[in-house]
Amino acid sequence: MALEETVRAVLADAGALRIKWPNDLLLGRAKLSGILLERVDEWVVIGFGVNVTHHPDLADRATTSLHAAGATIDAAALQGELAAALSHWHARWREEGLAPVAERWRERAHSPGTELRARLPDGSEWHGRYETLEPGGALVLRLADGSARVMHAGDIFLL
């Protein structure tokens, strides 16, 4: 939430900014940033990749940058804003638990009913519609047969 909040604050028009589970920010359908998490013992290392001034030209997906979206912030200033937002959200999580984070995530994600394709770590693929985010952070995908598939890890593609 810290990265989404930081990016939202620097965009003149953030109406199309959405979180794509589990770790990307999209502006419209274009990837703007991603987050990597790595657990080491009792610690979590967080890596943020934000396209600030440039963005890659990829054949398989649309990308964009903050500057392409009209923002004028530089990487150093963005880092400072992100550090403040991280501190805020970390404190909130420690005081209130995951519920407010998950609620804000649901508010800033794609609308329920958005059609998705999910590729799970075991290689299986599922097609369905985004339903919700569970309180613990798992994504719920509603399949065509009406059943729900709860996902804790995987890659999500908008259709």
C-alpha atoms as a PDB file:
ATOM      1  CA  MET A   1       0.000   0.000   0.000  1.00  0.00           C
ATOM      2  CA  ALA A   2       2.907   2.315   0.659  1.00  0.00           C
ATOM      3  CA  LEU A   3       4.064   2.221  -2.957  1.00  0.00           C
ATOM      4  CA  GLU A   4       0.551   2.657  -4.338  1.00  0.00           C
ATOM      5  CA  GLU A   5      -0.062   5.614  -2.028  1.00  0.00           C
ATOM      6  CA  THR A   6       3.277   7.203  -2.977  1.00  0.00           C
ATOM      7  CA  VAL A   7       2.720   6.803  -6.705  1.00  0.00           C
ATOM      8  CA  ARG A   8      -0.885   8.014  -6.450  1.00  0.00           C
ATOM      9  CA  ALA A   9       0.317  11.211  -4.754  1.00  0.00           C
ATOM     10  CA  VAL A  10       2.754  12.126  -7.557  1.00  0.00           C
ATOM     11  CA  LEU A  11       0.408  11.503 -10.494  1.00  0.00           C
ATOM     12  CA  ALA A  12      -1.754  14.381 -11.685  1.00  0.00           C
ATOM     13  CA  ASP A  13      -4.347  11.847 -12.843  1.00  0.00           C
ATOM     14  CA  ALA A  14      -4.222   8.646 -10.813  1.00  0.00           C
ATOM     15  CA  GLY A  15      -7.744   7.509 -11.666  1.00  0.00           C
ATOM     16  CA  ALA A  16      -6.482   4.557 -13.715  1.00  0.00           C
ATOM     17  CA  LEU A  17      -3.909   3.439 -11.109  1.00  0.00           C
ATOM     18  CA  ARG A  18      -4.674  -0.084  -9.880  1.00  0.00           C
ATOM     19  CA  ILE A  19      -2.971  -2.788  -7.876  1.00  0.00           C
ATOM     20  CA  LYS A  20      -2.604  -6.106  -9.707  1.00  0.00           C
ATOM     21  CA  TRP A  21      -2.222  -9.027  -7.329  1.00  0.00           C
ATOM     22  CA  PRO A  22       0.169  -9.913  -5.953  1.00  0.00           C
ATOM     23  CA  ASN A  23       2.825  -7.280  -6.566  1.00  0.00           C
ATOM     24  CA  ASP A  24       2.330  -4.860  -9.472  1.00  0.00           C
ATOM     25  CA  LEU A  25       0.998  -1.369 -10.025  1.00  0.00           C
ATOM     26  CA  LEU A  26      -0.731  -0.750 -13.336  1.00  0.00           C
ATOM     27  CA  LEU A  27      -1.671   2.551 -14.900  1.00  0.00           C
ATOM     28  CA  GLY A  28      -4.510   1.540 -17.161  1.00  0.00           C
ATOM     29  CA  ARG A  29      -3.240  -1.774 -18.516  1.00  0.00           C
ATOM     30  CA  ALA A  30       0.433  -0.744 -18.484  1.00  0.00           C
ATOM     31  CA  LYS A  31       2.824  -1.963 -15.789  1.00  0.00           C
ATOM     32  CA  LEU A  32       4.338   0.926 -13.863  1.00  0.00           C
ATOM     33  CA  SER A  33       6.048  -0.885 -11.005  1.00  0.00           C
ATOM     34  CA  GLY A  34       6.520  -4.146  -9.169  1.00  0.00           C
ATOM     35  CA  ILE A  35       7.477  -5.331  -5.716  1.00  0.00           C
ATOM     36  CA  LEU A  36       9.633  -8.330  -4.820  1.00  0.00           C
ATOM     37  CA  LEU A  37       9.647  -9.898  -1.358  1.00  0.00           C
ATOM     38  CA  GLU A  38      12.225 -12.335  -0.071  1.00  0.00           C
ATOM     39  CA  ARG A  39      12.044 -13.891   3.370  1.00  0.00           C
ATOM     40  CA  VAL A  40      15.343 -14.453   5.162  1.00  0.00           C
ATOM     41  CA  ASP A  41      14.911 -16.080   8.580  1.00  0.00           C
ATOM     42  CA  GLU A  42      12.535 -13.766  10.479  1.00  0.00           C
ATOM     43  CA  TRP A  43      13.206 -10.825   8.140  1.00  0.00           C
ATOM     44  CA  VAL A  44      11.609  -9.801   4.867  1.00  0.00           C
ATOM     45  CA  VAL A  45      13.649  -7.994   2.228  1.00  0.00           C
ATOM     46  CA  ILE A  46      11.514  -5.745   0.019  1.00  0.00           C
ATOM     47  CA  GLY A  47      12.580  -4.632  -3.441  1.00  0.00           C
ATOM     48  CA  PHE A  48      10.690  -1.905  -5.308  1.00  0.00           C
ATOM     49  CA  GLY A  49      11.029  -1.465  -9.039  1.00  0.00           C
ATOM     50  CA  VAL A  50       9.420   1.744 -10.289  1.00  0.00           C
ATOM     51  CA  ASN A  51       9.675   3.026 -13.839  1.00  0.00           C
ATOM     52  CA  VAL A  52      10.380   6.653 -12.962  1.00  0.00           C
ATOM     53  CA  THR A  53      11.857   8.260 -16.081  1.00  0.00           C
ATOM     54  CA  HIS A  54      11.917   5.384 -18.577  1.00  0.00           C
ATOM     55  CA  HIS A  55      10.148   2.097 -19.144  1.00  0.00           C
ATOM     56  CA  PRO A  56      11.100  -1.045 -21.039  1.00  0.00           C
ATOM     57  CA  ASP A  57       9.580  -1.786 -24.419  1.00  0.00           C
ATOM     58  CA  LEU A  58       8.328  -5.346 -23.953  1.00  0.00           C
ATOM     59  CA  ALA A  59       6.655  -7.467 -26.605  1.00  0.00           C
ATOM     60  CA  ASP A  60       4.389  -9.329 -24.177  1.00  0.00           C
ATOM     61  CA  ARG A  61       3.026  -6.476 -22.031  1.00  0.00           C
ATOM     62  CA  ALA A  62       2.443  -2.750 -21.984  1.00  0.00           C
ATOM     63  CA  THR A  63       4.657  -0.677 -19.700  1.00  0.00           C
ATOM     64  CA  THR A  64       4.801   2.976 -18.709  1.00  0.00           C
ATOM     65  CA  SER A  65       6.722   5.334 -16.442  1.00  0.00           C
ATOM     66  CA  LEU A  66       5.869   8.121 -14.036  1.00  0.00           C
ATOM     67  CA  HIS A  67       7.331  10.689 -16.431  1.00  0.00           C
ATOM     68  CA  ALA A  68       5.326   9.269 -19.357  1.00  0.00           C
ATOM     69  CA  ALA A  69       2.238   9.746 -17.169  1.00  0.00           C
ATOM     70  CA  GLY A  70       3.140  13.396 -16.552  1.00  0.00           C
ATOM     71  CA  ALA A  71       4.816  13.187 -13.132  1.00  0.00           C
ATOM     72  CA  THR A  72       7.967  15.264 -12.641  1.00  0.00           C
ATOM     73  CA  ILE A  73       9.375  13.617  -9.509  1.00  0.00           C
ATOM     74  CA  ASP A  74      12.895  12.161  -9.590  1.00  0.00           C
ATOM     75  CA  ALA A  75      13.973   8.831  -8.112  1.00  0.00           C
ATOM     76  CA  ALA A  76      15.561  10.354  -4.982  1.00  0.00           C
ATOM     77  CA  ALA A  77      12.438  12.325  -4.094  1.00  0.00           C
ATOM     78  CA  LEU A  78      10.249   9.292  -4.774  1.00  0.00           C
ATOM     79  CA  GLN A  79      12.451   7.242  -2.449  1.00  0.00           C
ATOM     80  CA  GLY A  80      11.943   9.762   0.358  1.00  0.00           C
ATOM     81  CA  GLU A  81       8.178   9.780  -0.118  1.00  0.00           C
ATOM     82  CA  LEU A  82       8.116   5.989  -0.222  1.00  0.00           C
ATOM     83  CA  ALA A  83      10.142   5.720   3.002  1.00  0.00           C
ATOM     84  CA  ALA A  84       7.600   7.914   4.805  1.00  0.00           C
ATOM     85  CA  ALA A  85       4.680   5.887   3.447  1.00  0.00           C
ATOM     86  CA  LEU A  86       6.381   2.612   4.424  1.00  0.00           C
ATOM     87  CA  SER A  87       6.819   3.886   7.959  1.00  0.00           C
ATOM     88  CA  HIS A  88       3.140   4.866   8.122  1.00  0.00           C
ATOM     89  CA  TRP A  89       1.822   1.539   6.779  1.00  0.00           C
ATOM     90  CA  HIS A  90       4.226  -0.519   8.895  1.00  0.00           C
ATOM     91  CA  ALA A  91       3.028   1.273  12.039  1.00  0.00           C
ATOM     92  CA  ARG A  92      -0.587   0.807  11.038  1.00  0.00           C
ATOM     93  CA  TRP A  93      -0.045  -2.909  10.392  1.00  0.00           C
ATOM     94  CA  ARG A  94       1.682  -3.318  13.775  1.00  0.00           C
ATOM     95  CA  GLU A  95      -1.152  -1.497  15.589  1.00  0.00           C
ATOM     96  CA  GLU A  96      -4.197  -2.767  13.687  1.00  0.00           C
ATOM     97  CA  GLY A  97      -3.124  -5.968  11.940  1.00  0.00           C
ATOM     98  CA  LEU A  98      -3.555  -6.831   8.273  1.00  0.00           C
ATOM     99  CA  ALA A  99      -7.261  -5.912   7.996  1.00  0.00           C
ATOM    100  CA  PRO A 100      -6.816  -2.197   7.113  1.00  0.00           C
ATOM    101  CA  VAL A 101      -4.107  -3.062   4.595  1.00  0.00           C
ATOM    102  CA  ALA A 102      -6.313  -5.683   2.928  1.00  0.00           C
ATOM    103  CA  GLU A 103      -9.279  -3.286   2.910  1.00  0.00           C
ATOM    104  CA  ARG A 104      -7.272  -0.529   1.208  1.00  0.00           C
ATOM    105  CA  TRP A 105      -5.914  -3.111  -1.238  1.00  0.00           C
ATOM    106  CA  ARG A 106      -9.460  -4.138  -2.194  1.00  0.00           C
ATOM    107  CA  GLU A 107     -10.353  -0.465  -2.738  1.00  0.00           C
ATOM    108  CA  ARG A 108      -7.387   0.073  -5.054  1.00  0.00           C
ATOM    109  CA  ALA A 109      -7.429  -3.225  -6.982  1.00  0.00           C
ATOM    110  CA  HIS A 110      -9.314  -4.043 -10.155  1.00  0.00           C
ATOM    111  CA  SER A 111     -13.065  -4.211  -9.805  1.00  0.00           C
ATOM    112  CA  PRO A 112     -14.674  -7.488  -8.801  1.00  0.00           C
ATOM    113  CA  GLY A 113     -15.632  -9.312 -11.976  1.00  0.00           C
ATOM    114  CA  THR A 114     -12.444  -8.379 -13.841  1.00  0.00           C
ATOM    115  CA  GLU A 115     -11.491 -11.307 -16.075  1.00  0.00           C
ATOM    116  CA  LEU A 116      -8.122 -12.858 -15.192  1.00  0.00           C
ATOM    117  CA  ARG A 117      -5.852 -15.735 -16.088  1.00  0.00           C
ATOM    118  CA  ALA A 118      -3.765 -17.144 -13.244  1.00  0.00           C
ATOM    119  CA  ARG A 119      -0.605 -19.221 -13.589  1.00  0.00           C
ATOM    120  CA  LEU A 120       0.259 -21.001 -10.349  1.00  0.00           C
ATOM    121  CA  PRO A 121       3.742 -22.075  -9.225  1.00  0.00           C
ATOM    122  CA  ASP A 122       2.930 -25.700 -10.146  1.00  0.00           C
ATOM    123  CA  GLY A 123       2.366 -24.608 -13.777  1.00  0.00           C
ATOM    124  CA  SER A 124      -1.409 -24.972 -13.741  1.00  0.00           C
ATOM    125  CA  GLU A 125      -3.495 -22.194 -15.261  1.00  0.00           C
ATOM    126  CA  TRP A 126      -6.947 -20.988 -14.268  1.00  0.00           C
ATOM    127  CA  HIS A 127      -9.326 -18.559 -15.971  1.00  0.00           C
ATOM    128  CA  GLY A 128     -11.987 -16.708 -14.070  1.00  0.00           C
ATOM    129  CA  ARG A 129     -13.096 -13.428 -12.591  1.00  0.00           C
ATOM    130  CA  TYR A 130     -11.506 -11.587  -9.698  1.00  0.00           C
ATOM    131  CA  GLU A 131     -13.812 -11.814  -6.711  1.00  0.00           C
ATOM    132  CA  THR A 132     -11.974 -10.455  -3.681  1.00  0.00           C
ATOM    133  CA  LEU A 133      -8.879 -10.501  -1.552  1.00  0.00           C
ATOM    134  CA  GLU A 134      -9.147 -12.632   1.581  1.00  0.00           C
ATOM    135  CA  PRO A 135      -8.201 -11.023   4.915  1.00  0.00           C
ATOM    136  CA  GLY A 136      -4.874 -12.897   4.838  1.00  0.00           C
ATOM    137  CA  GLY A 137      -4.007 -11.632   1.350  1.00  0.00           C
ATOM    138  CA  ALA A 138      -5.005 -14.581  -0.856  1.00  0.00           C
ATOM    139  CA  LEU A 139      -6.761 -13.806  -4.139  1.00  0.00           C
ATOM    140  CA  VAL A 140     -10.143 -15.408  -4.799  1.00  0.00           C
ATOM    141  CA  LEU A 141     -10.825 -16.246  -8.445  1.00  0.00           C
ATOM    142  CA  ARG A 142     -14.392 -17.223  -9.422  1.00  0.00           C
ATOM    143  CA  LEU A 143     -14.267 -19.897 -12.128  1.00  0.00           C
ATOM    144  CA  ALA A 144     -16.790 -20.354 -14.957  1.00  0.00           C
ATOM    145  CA  ASP A 145     -18.366 -23.349 -13.182  1.00  0.00           C
ATOM    146  CA  GLY A 146     -19.123 -21.146 -10.167  1.00  0.00           C
ATOM    147  CA  SER A 147     -16.454 -22.608  -7.918  1.00  0.00           C
ATOM    148  CA  ALA A 148     -13.872 -20.420  -6.221  1.00  0.00           C
ATOM    149  CA  ARG A 149     -10.115 -20.900  -6.451  1.00  0.00           C
ATOM    150  CA  VAL A 150      -8.089 -19.345  -3.615  1.00  0.00           C
ATOM    151  CA  MET A 151      -4.554 -18.411  -4.651  1.00  0.00           C
ATOM    152  CA  HIS A 152      -1.663 -17.678  -2.334  1.00  0.00           C
ATOM    153  CA  ALA A 153       1.015 -17.372  -5.035  1.00  0.00           C
ATOM    154  CA  GLY A 154       1.149 -17.100  -8.798  1.00  0.00           C
ATOM    155  CA  ASP A 155       1.157 -14.774 -11.786  1.00  0.00           C
ATOM    156  CA  ILE A 156      -1.988 -12.922 -12.790  1.00  0.00           C
ATOM    157  CA  PHE A 157      -2.771 -11.679 -16.298  1.00  0.00           C
ATOM    158  CA  LEU A 158      -5.606  -9.320 -17.191  1.00  0.00           C
ATOM    159  CA  LEU A 159      -7.732 -10.524 -20.099  1.00  0.00           C
END
